[in-house]
Amino acid sequence: MPEISRFFGAIITMYYNDHPPPHFHVRYNQQKAIVDIQSLEIIAGQLSPRLYKLVQEWATIYQSELMENWEIARNNEPLNKIEPLE
């Protein structure tokens, strides 16, 4: 599962040829979640409210890049890195 970004210890990844809806994975210590790219809602797992807010902020900024990576991943091509939240 390729890493596409990392910020404040959170690792953002995407699987190749993954199931819909378009989403990305977040890992931070023992926390794991799957976040829908379009709604930015957690569709599986759990994050602390603070981490979820940071992930939402980052994903809002880079939503189009996330969708682009989703399409790239569906074609099994190398994913683009996305800038971290600063």
PDB file of N, CA and C in Angstrom:
ATOM      1  N   MET A   1       0.859  -1.167   0.000  1.00  0.00           N
ATOM      2  CA  MET A   1       0.000   0.000   0.000  1.00  0.00           C
ATOM      3  C   MET A   1       0.904   1.228   0.000  1.00  0.00           C
ATOM      4  N   PRO A   2       0.956   1.933  -1.109  1.00  0.00           N
ATOM      5  CA  PRO A   2       1.860   3.082  -1.225  1.00  0.00           C
ATOM      6  C   PRO A   2       1.478   4.254  -0.314  1.00  0.00           C
ATOM      7  N   GLU A   3       2.493   4.823   0.289  1.00  0.00           N
ATOM      8  CA  GLU A   3       2.314   6.023   1.107  1.00  0.00           C
ATOM      9  C   GLU A   3       2.254   7.221   0.175  1.00  0.00           C
ATOM     10  N   ILE A   4       1.212   8.047   0.333  1.00  0.00           N
ATOM     11  CA  ILE A   4       1.105   9.230  -0.518  1.00  0.00           C
ATOM     12  C   ILE A   4       1.387  10.519   0.248  1.00  0.00           C
ATOM     13  N   SER A   5       1.307  10.467   1.576  1.00  0.00           N
ATOM     14  CA  SER A   5       1.636  11.649   2.376  1.00  0.00           C
ATOM     15  C   SER A   5       1.871  11.225   3.825  1.00  0.00           C
ATOM     16  N   ARG A   6       2.509  12.131   4.555  1.00  0.00           N
ATOM     17  CA  ARG A   6       2.766  11.905   5.981  1.00  0.00           C
ATOM     18  C   ARG A   6       2.848  13.276   6.647  1.00  0.00           C
ATOM     19  N   PHE A   7       2.113  13.442   7.744  1.00  0.00           N
ATOM     20  CA  PHE A   7       2.175  14.699   8.494  1.00  0.00           C
ATOM     21  C   PHE A   7       1.794  14.450   9.947  1.00  0.00           C
ATOM     22  N   PHE A   8       2.496  15.117  10.834  1.00  0.00           N
ATOM     23  CA  PHE A   8       2.264  15.019  12.281  1.00  0.00           C
ATOM     24  C   PHE A   8       2.173  13.564  12.750  1.00  0.00           C
ATOM     25  N   GLY A   9       2.921  12.679  12.116  1.00  0.00           N
ATOM     26  CA  GLY A   9       2.938  11.267  12.484  1.00  0.00           C
ATOM     27  C   GLY A   9       1.885  10.416  11.801  1.00  0.00           C
ATOM     28  N   ALA A  10       0.925  11.044  11.140  1.00  0.00           N
ATOM     29  CA  ALA A  10      -0.120  10.300  10.422  1.00  0.00           C
ATOM     30  C   ALA A  10       0.412   9.883   9.054  1.00  0.00           C
ATOM     31  N   ILE A  11       0.141   8.640   8.685  1.00  0.00           N
ATOM     32  CA  ILE A  11       0.570   8.107   7.396  1.00  0.00           C
ATOM     33  C   ILE A  11      -0.673   7.914   6.532  1.00  0.00           C
ATOM     34  N   ILE A  12      -0.649   8.516   5.345  1.00  0.00           N
ATOM     35  CA  ILE A  12      -1.775   8.441   4.422  1.00  0.00           C
ATOM     36  C   ILE A  12      -1.377   7.517   3.276  1.00  0.00           C
ATOM     37  N   THR A  13      -2.209   6.501   3.028  1.00  0.00           N
ATOM     38  CA  THR A  13      -1.904   5.515   1.995  1.00  0.00           C
ATOM     39  C   THR A  13      -3.134   5.259   1.130  1.00  0.00           C
ATOM     40  N   MET A  14      -2.883   4.583   0.011  1.00  0.00           N
ATOM     41  CA  MET A  14      -3.946   4.176  -0.891  1.00  0.00           C
ATOM     42  C   MET A  14      -3.569   2.821  -1.470  1.00  0.00           C
ATOM     43  N   TYR A  15      -4.535   1.917  -1.545  1.00  0.00           N
ATOM     44  CA  TYR A  15      -4.303   0.610  -2.166  1.00  0.00           C
ATOM     45  C   TYR A  15      -4.497   0.717  -3.674  1.00  0.00           C
ATOM     46  N   TYR A  16      -3.796  -0.150  -4.397  1.00  0.00           N
ATOM     47  CA  TYR A  16      -4.030  -0.267  -5.833  1.00  0.00           C
ATOM     48  C   TYR A  16      -5.308  -1.052  -6.070  1.00  0.00           C
ATOM     49  N   ASN A  17      -6.080  -0.605  -7.066  1.00  0.00           N
ATOM     50  CA  ASN A  17      -7.288  -1.307  -7.510  1.00  0.00           C
ATOM     51  C   ASN A  17      -8.208  -1.653  -6.334  1.00  0.00           C
ATOM     52  N   ASP A  18      -8.421  -0.690  -5.436  1.00  0.00           N
ATOM     53  CA  ASP A  18      -9.237  -0.885  -4.236  1.00  0.00           C
ATOM     54  C   ASP A  18     -10.725  -0.751  -4.578  1.00  0.00           C
ATOM     55  N   HIS A  19     -11.568  -1.192  -3.665  1.00  0.00           N
ATOM     56  CA  HIS A  19     -13.022  -1.156  -3.842  1.00  0.00           C
ATOM     57  C   HIS A  19     -13.554   0.265  -3.704  1.00  0.00           C
ATOM     58  N   PRO A  20     -14.683   0.576  -4.370  1.00  0.00           N
ATOM     59  CA  PRO A  20     -15.328   1.876  -4.180  1.00  0.00           C
ATOM     60  C   PRO A  20     -15.954   1.948  -2.786  1.00  0.00           C
ATOM     61  N   PRO A  21     -16.308   3.117  -2.314  1.00  0.00           N
ATOM     62  CA  PRO A  21     -16.150   4.437  -2.915  1.00  0.00           C
ATOM     63  C   PRO A  21     -14.695   4.897  -2.850  1.00  0.00           C
ATOM     64  N   PRO A  22     -14.339   5.920  -3.628  1.00  0.00           N
ATOM     65  CA  PRO A  22     -12.972   6.449  -3.563  1.00  0.00           C
ATOM     66  C   PRO A  22     -12.618   6.836  -2.125  1.00  0.00           C
ATOM     67  N   HIS A  23     -11.469   6.345  -1.656  1.00  0.00           N
ATOM     68  CA  HIS A  23     -11.089   6.576  -0.263  1.00  0.00           C
ATOM     69  C   HIS A  23      -9.578   6.465  -0.095  1.00  0.00           C
ATOM     70  N   PHE A  24      -9.124   6.858   1.091  1.00  0.00           N
ATOM     71  CA  PHE A  24      -7.723   6.682   1.464  1.00  0.00           C
ATOM     72  C   PHE A  24      -7.676   6.138   2.886  1.00  0.00           C
ATOM     73  N   HIS A  25      -6.515   5.630   3.249  1.00  0.00           N
ATOM     74  CA  HIS A  25      -6.312   5.022   4.562  1.00  0.00           C
ATOM     75  C   HIS A  25      -5.431   5.932   5.411  1.00  0.00           C
ATOM     76  N   VAL A  26      -5.729   6.008   6.699  1.00  0.00           N
ATOM     77  CA  VAL A  26      -4.952   6.801   7.655  1.00  0.00           C
ATOM     78  C   VAL A  26      -4.490   5.873   8.774  1.00  0.00           C
ATOM     79  N   ARG A  27      -3.195   5.962   9.117  1.00  0.00           N
ATOM     80  CA  ARG A  27      -2.654   5.229  10.264  1.00  0.00           C
ATOM     81  C   ARG A  27      -1.892   6.207  11.146  1.00  0.00           C
ATOM     82  N   TYR A  28      -2.101   6.099  12.426  1.00  0.00           N
ATOM     83  CA  TYR A  28      -1.371   6.916  13.400  1.00  0.00           C
ATOM     84  C   TYR A  28      -1.315   6.118  14.692  1.00  0.00           C
ATOM     85  N   ASN A  29      -0.130   5.639  15.058  1.00  0.00           N
ATOM     86  CA  ASN A  29       0.016   4.751  16.216  1.00  0.00           C
ATOM     87  C   ASN A  29      -0.985   3.599  16.104  1.00  0.00           C
ATOM     88  N   GLN A  30      -1.872   3.458  17.067  1.00  0.00           N
ATOM     89  CA  GLN A  30      -2.856   2.366  17.042  1.00  0.00           C
ATOM     90  C   GLN A  30      -4.148   2.741  16.322  1.00  0.00           C
ATOM     91  N   GLN A  31      -4.242   3.981  15.863  1.00  0.00           N
ATOM     92  CA  GLN A  31      -5.459   4.432  15.193  1.00  0.00           C
ATOM     93  C   GLN A  31      -5.386   4.121  13.698  1.00  0.00           C
ATOM     94  N   LYS A  32      -6.502   3.633  13.159  1.00  0.00           N
ATOM     95  CA  LYS A  32      -6.596   3.351  11.728  1.00  0.00           C
ATOM     96  C   LYS A  32      -7.989   3.720  11.260  1.00  0.00           C
ATOM     97  N   ALA A  33      -8.067   4.273  10.049  1.00  0.00           N
ATOM     98  CA  ALA A  33      -9.379   4.606   9.493  1.00  0.00           C
ATOM     99  C   ALA A  33      -9.306   4.650   7.977  1.00  0.00           C
ATOM    100  N   ILE A  34     -10.470   4.491   7.377  1.00  0.00           N
ATOM    101  CA  ILE A  34     -10.646   4.679   5.942  1.00  0.00           C
ATOM    102  C   ILE A  34     -11.537   5.901   5.792  1.00  0.00           C
ATOM    103  N   VAL A  35     -11.096   6.858   4.958  1.00  0.00           N
ATOM    104  CA  VAL A  35     -11.815   8.121   4.799  1.00  0.00           C
ATOM    105  C   VAL A  35     -12.277   8.263   3.354  1.00  0.00           C
ATOM    106  N   ASP A  36     -13.562   8.534   3.176  1.00  0.00           N
ATOM    107  CA  ASP A  36     -14.148   8.771   1.859  1.00  0.00           C
ATOM    108  C   ASP A  36     -13.593  10.081   1.298  1.00  0.00           C
ATOM    109  N   ILE A  37     -13.110  10.061   0.069  1.00  0.00           N
ATOM    110  CA  ILE A  37     -12.494  11.257  -0.521  1.00  0.00           C
ATOM    111  C   ILE A  37     -13.528  12.348  -0.770  1.00  0.00           C
ATOM    112  N   GLN A  38     -14.724  11.985  -1.183  1.00  0.00           N
ATOM    113  CA  GLN A  38     -15.712  13.001  -1.537  1.00  0.00           C
ATOM    114  C   GLN A  38     -16.387  13.624  -0.321  1.00  0.00           C
ATOM    115  N   SER A  39     -16.824  12.804   0.626  1.00  0.00           N
ATOM    116  CA  SER A  39     -17.530  13.342   1.799  1.00  0.00           C
ATOM    117  C   SER A  39     -16.588  13.666   2.953  1.00  0.00           C
ATOM    118  N   LEU A  40     -15.373  13.102   2.918  1.00  0.00           N
ATOM    119  CA  LEU A  40     -14.369  13.213   3.978  1.00  0.00           C
ATOM    120  C   LEU A  40     -14.851  12.614   5.299  1.00  0.00           C
ATOM    121  N   GLU A  41     -15.827  11.722   5.218  1.00  0.00           N
ATOM    122  CA  GLU A  41     -16.309  11.016   6.401  1.00  0.00           C
ATOM    123  C   GLU A  41     -15.527   9.725   6.592  1.00  0.00           C
ATOM    124  N   ILE A  42     -15.377   9.315   7.838  1.00  0.00           N
ATOM    125  CA  ILE A  42     -14.753   8.024   8.138  1.00  0.00           C
ATOM    126  C   ILE A  42     -15.766   6.937   7.793  1.00  0.00           C
ATOM    127  N   ILE A  43     -15.351   6.000   6.930  1.00  0.00           N
ATOM    128  CA  ILE A  43     -16.255   4.916   6.548  1.00  0.00           C
ATOM    129  C   ILE A  43     -15.889   3.599   7.237  1.00  0.00           C
ATOM    130  N   ALA A  44     -14.729   3.548   7.860  1.00  0.00           N
ATOM    131  CA  ALA A  44     -14.329   2.384   8.658  1.00  0.00           C
ATOM    132  C   ALA A  44     -13.225   2.818   9.609  1.00  0.00           C
ATOM    133  N   GLY A  45     -13.191   2.206  10.779  1.00  0.00           N
ATOM    134  CA  GLY A  45     -12.153   2.531  11.752  1.00  0.00           C
ATOM    135  C   GLY A  45     -12.511   3.735  12.590  1.00  0.00           C
ATOM    136  N   GLN A  46     -11.474   4.283  13.238  1.00  0.00           N
ATOM    137  CA  GLN A  46     -11.701   5.398  14.156  1.00  0.00           C
ATOM    138  C   GLN A  46     -10.425   6.216  14.307  1.00  0.00           C
ATOM    139  N   LEU A  47     -10.588   7.526  14.395  1.00  0.00           N
ATOM    140  CA  LEU A  47      -9.489   8.451  14.669  1.00  0.00           C
ATOM    141  C   LEU A  47      -9.906   9.343  15.830  1.00  0.00           C
ATOM    142  N   SER A  48      -8.924   9.843  16.567  1.00  0.00           N
ATOM    143  CA  SER A  48      -9.246  10.815  17.616  1.00  0.00           C
ATOM    144  C   SER A  48      -9.830  12.058  16.946  1.00  0.00           C
ATOM    145  N   PRO A  49     -10.669  12.807  17.646  1.00  0.00           N
ATOM    146  CA  PRO A  49     -11.240  14.019  17.054  1.00  0.00           C
ATOM    147  C   PRO A  49     -10.171  14.990  16.544  1.00  0.00           C
ATOM    148  N   ARG A  50      -9.085  15.132  17.287  1.00  0.00           N
ATOM    149  CA  ARG A  50      -8.007  16.049  16.874  1.00  0.00           C
ATOM    150  C   ARG A  50      -7.372  15.589  15.565  1.00  0.00           C
ATOM    151  N   LEU A  51      -7.042  14.301  15.467  1.00  0.00           N
ATOM    152  CA  LEU A  51      -6.427  13.774  14.252  1.00  0.00           C
ATOM    153  C   LEU A  51      -7.401  13.841  13.086  1.00  0.00           C
ATOM    154  N   TYR A  52      -8.653  13.501  13.325  1.00  0.00           N
ATOM    155  CA  TYR A  52      -9.659  13.545  12.261  1.00  0.00           C
ATOM    156  C   TYR A  52      -9.786  14.957  11.700  1.00  0.00           C
ATOM    157  N   LYS A  53      -9.756  15.958  12.564  1.00  0.00           N
ATOM    158  CA  LYS A  53      -9.836  17.350  12.112  1.00  0.00           C
ATOM    159  C   LYS A  53      -8.645  17.694  11.218  1.00  0.00           C
ATOM    160  N   LEU A  54      -7.439  17.255  11.594  1.00  0.00           N
ATOM    161  CA  LEU A  54      -6.247  17.506  10.777  1.00  0.00           C
ATOM    162  C   LEU A  54      -6.349  16.798   9.428  1.00  0.00           C
ATOM    163  N   VAL A  55      -6.811  15.560   9.447  1.00  0.00           N
ATOM    164  CA  VAL A  55      -6.961  14.796   8.204  1.00  0.00           C
ATOM    165  C   VAL A  55      -7.992  15.466   7.297  1.00  0.00           C
ATOM    166  N   GLN A  56      -9.098  15.913   7.859  1.00  0.00           N
ATOM    167  CA  GLN A  56     -10.114  16.609   7.063  1.00  0.00           C
ATOM    168  C   GLN A  56      -9.561  17.901   6.463  1.00  0.00           C
ATOM    169  N   GLU A  57      -8.806  18.641   7.248  1.00  0.00           N
ATOM    170  CA  GLU A  57      -8.207  19.889   6.755  1.00  0.00           C
ATOM    171  C   GLU A  57      -7.285  19.598   5.571  1.00  0.00           C
ATOM    172  N   TRP A  58      -6.417  18.598   5.726  1.00  0.00           N
ATOM    173  CA  TRP A  58      -5.487  18.215   4.659  1.00  0.00           C
ATOM    174  C   TRP A  58      -6.249  17.735   3.426  1.00  0.00           C
ATOM    175  N   ALA A  59      -7.229  16.854   3.628  1.00  0.00           N
ATOM    176  CA  ALA A  59      -7.963  16.273   2.504  1.00  0.00           C
ATOM    177  C   ALA A  59      -8.799  17.317   1.768  1.00  0.00           C
ATOM    178  N   THR A  60      -9.279  18.318   2.470  1.00  0.00           N
ATOM    179  CA  THR A  60     -10.022  19.396   1.818  1.00  0.00           C
ATOM    180  C   THR A  60      -9.113  20.158   0.860  1.00  0.00           C
ATOM    181  N   ILE A  61      -7.905  20.435   1.297  1.00  0.00           N
ATOM    182  CA  ILE A  61      -6.933  21.152   0.463  1.00  0.00           C
ATOM    183  C   ILE A  61      -6.559  20.329  -0.766  1.00  0.00           C
ATOM    184  N   TYR A  62      -6.383  19.026  -0.589  1.00  0.00           N
ATOM    185  CA  TYR A  62      -5.851  18.168  -1.655  1.00  0.00           C
ATOM    186  C   TYR A  62      -6.885  17.185  -2.206  1.00  0.00           C
ATOM    187  N   GLN A  63      -8.150  17.546  -2.142  1.00  0.00           N
ATOM    188  CA  GLN A  63      -9.199  16.634  -2.588  1.00  0.00           C
ATOM    189  C   GLN A  63      -9.060  16.256  -4.064  1.00  0.00           C
ATOM    190  N   SER A  64      -8.747  17.208  -4.917  1.00  0.00           N
ATOM    191  CA  SER A  64      -8.605  16.882  -6.348  1.00  0.00           C
ATOM    192  C   SER A  64      -7.400  15.974  -6.586  1.00  0.00           C
ATOM    193  N   GLU A  65      -6.310  16.193  -5.854  1.00  0.00           N
ATOM    194  CA  GLU A  65      -5.129  15.332  -5.978  1.00  0.00           C
ATOM    195  C   GLU A  65      -5.432  13.916  -5.479  1.00  0.00           C
ATOM    196  N   LEU A  66      -6.235  13.821  -4.430  1.00  0.00           N
ATOM    197  CA  LEU A  66      -6.636  12.507  -3.923  1.00  0.00           C
ATOM    198  C   LEU A  66      -7.474  11.756  -4.957  1.00  0.00           C
ATOM    199  N   MET A  67      -8.413  12.454  -5.597  1.00  0.00           N
ATOM    200  CA  MET A  67      -9.229  11.810  -6.632  1.00  0.00           C
ATOM    201  C   MET A  67      -8.368  11.393  -7.821  1.00  0.00           C
ATOM    202  N   GLU A  68      -7.413  12.228  -8.172  1.00  0.00           N
ATOM    203  CA  GLU A  68      -6.499  11.882  -9.261  1.00  0.00           C
ATOM    204  C   GLU A  68      -5.716  10.618  -8.899  1.00  0.00           C
ATOM    205  N   ASN A  69      -5.197  10.548  -7.686  1.00  0.00           N
ATOM    206  CA  ASN A  69      -4.473   9.357  -7.241  1.00  0.00           C
ATOM    207  C   ASN A  69      -5.386   8.132  -7.220  1.00  0.00           C
ATOM    208  N   TRP A  70      -6.644   8.317  -6.843  1.00  0.00           N
ATOM    209  CA  TRP A  70      -7.584   7.196  -6.841  1.00  0.00           C
ATOM    210  C   TRP A  70      -7.687   6.592  -8.248  1.00  0.00           C
ATOM    211  N   GLU A  71      -7.837   7.456  -9.251  1.00  0.00           N
ATOM    212  CA  GLU A  71      -7.935   6.978 -10.637  1.00  0.00           C
ATOM    213  C   GLU A  71      -6.631   6.316 -11.081  1.00  0.00           C
ATOM    214  N   ILE A  72      -5.518   6.892 -10.695  1.00  0.00           N
ATOM    215  CA  ILE A  72      -4.210   6.307 -11.028  1.00  0.00           C
ATOM    216  C   ILE A  72      -4.087   4.921 -10.392  1.00  0.00           C
ATOM    217  N   ALA A  73      -4.483   4.800  -9.135  1.00  0.00           N
ATOM    218  CA  ALA A  73      -4.398   3.518  -8.425  1.00  0.00           C
ATOM    219  C   ALA A  73      -5.297   2.469  -9.066  1.00  0.00           C
ATOM    220  N   ARG A  74      -6.459   2.888  -9.562  1.00  0.00           N
ATOM    221  CA  ARG A  74      -7.371   1.948 -10.227  1.00  0.00           C
ATOM    222  C   ARG A  74      -6.732   1.369 -11.492  1.00  0.00           C
ATOM    223  N   ASN A  75      -5.772   2.106 -12.065  1.00  0.00           N
ATOM    224  CA  ASN A  75      -5.059   1.646 -13.261  1.00  0.00           C
ATOM    225  C   ASN A  75      -3.718   1.003 -12.926  1.00  0.00           C
ATOM    226  N   ASN A  76      -3.466   0.784 -11.631  1.00  0.00           N
ATOM    227  CA  ASN A  76      -2.218   0.149 -11.171  1.00  0.00           C
ATOM    228  C   ASN A  76      -0.960   0.885 -11.624  1.00  0.00           C
ATOM    229  N   GLU A  77      -1.021   2.202 -11.638  1.00  0.00           N
ATOM    230  CA  GLU A  77       0.128   3.028 -12.004  1.00  0.00           C
ATOM    231  C   GLU A  77       0.709   3.664 -10.742  1.00  0.00           C
ATOM    232  N   PRO A  78       1.969   4.096 -10.791  1.00  0.00           N
ATOM    233  CA  PRO A  78       2.599   4.713  -9.609  1.00  0.00           C
ATOM    234  C   PRO A  78       1.843   5.969  -9.149  1.00  0.00           C
ATOM    235  N   LEU A  79       1.627   6.056  -7.851  1.00  0.00           N
ATOM    236  CA  LEU A  79       0.881   7.181  -7.285  1.00  0.00           C
ATOM    237  C   LEU A  79       1.768   8.398  -7.085  1.00  0.00           C
ATOM    238  N   ASN A  80       1.130   9.558  -7.110  1.00  0.00           N
ATOM    239  CA  ASN A  80       1.824  10.818  -6.862  1.00  0.00           C
ATOM    240  C   ASN A  80       1.859  11.098  -5.363  1.00  0.00           C
ATOM    241  N   LYS A  81       2.967  11.626  -4.893  1.00  0.00           N
ATOM    242  CA  LYS A  81       3.053  12.093  -3.507  1.00  0.00           C
ATOM    243  C   LYS A  81       2.239  13.378  -3.389  1.00  0.00           C
ATOM    244  N   ILE A  82       1.634  13.577  -2.226  1.00  0.00           N
ATOM    245  CA  ILE A  82       0.853  14.782  -1.953  1.00  0.00           C
ATOM    246  C   ILE A  82       1.504  15.502  -0.781  1.00  0.00           C
ATOM    247  N   GLU A  83       1.603  16.805  -0.900  1.00  0.00           N
ATOM    248  CA  GLU A  83       2.237  17.621   0.134  1.00  0.00           C
ATOM    249  C   GLU A  83       1.590  17.372   1.499  1.00  0.00           C
ATOM    250  N   PRO A  84       2.373  17.409   2.556  1.00  0.00           N
ATOM    251  CA  PRO A  84       1.807  17.232   3.902  1.00  0.00           C
ATOM    252  C   PRO A  84       1.109  18.499   4.384  1.00  0.00           C
ATOM    253  N   LEU A  85       0.338  18.353   5.437  1.00  0.00           N
ATOM    254  CA  LEU A  85      -0.265  19.493   6.109  1.00  0.00           C
ATOM    255  C   LEU A  85       0.820  20.167   6.932  1.00  0.00           C
ATOM    256  N   GLU A  86       0.876  21.473   6.878  1.00  0.00           N
ATOM    257  CA  GLU A  86       1.913  22.191   7.627  1.00  0.00           C
ATOM    258  C   GLU A  86       1.308  23.097   8.669  1.00  0.00           C
TER     259      GLU A  86
END
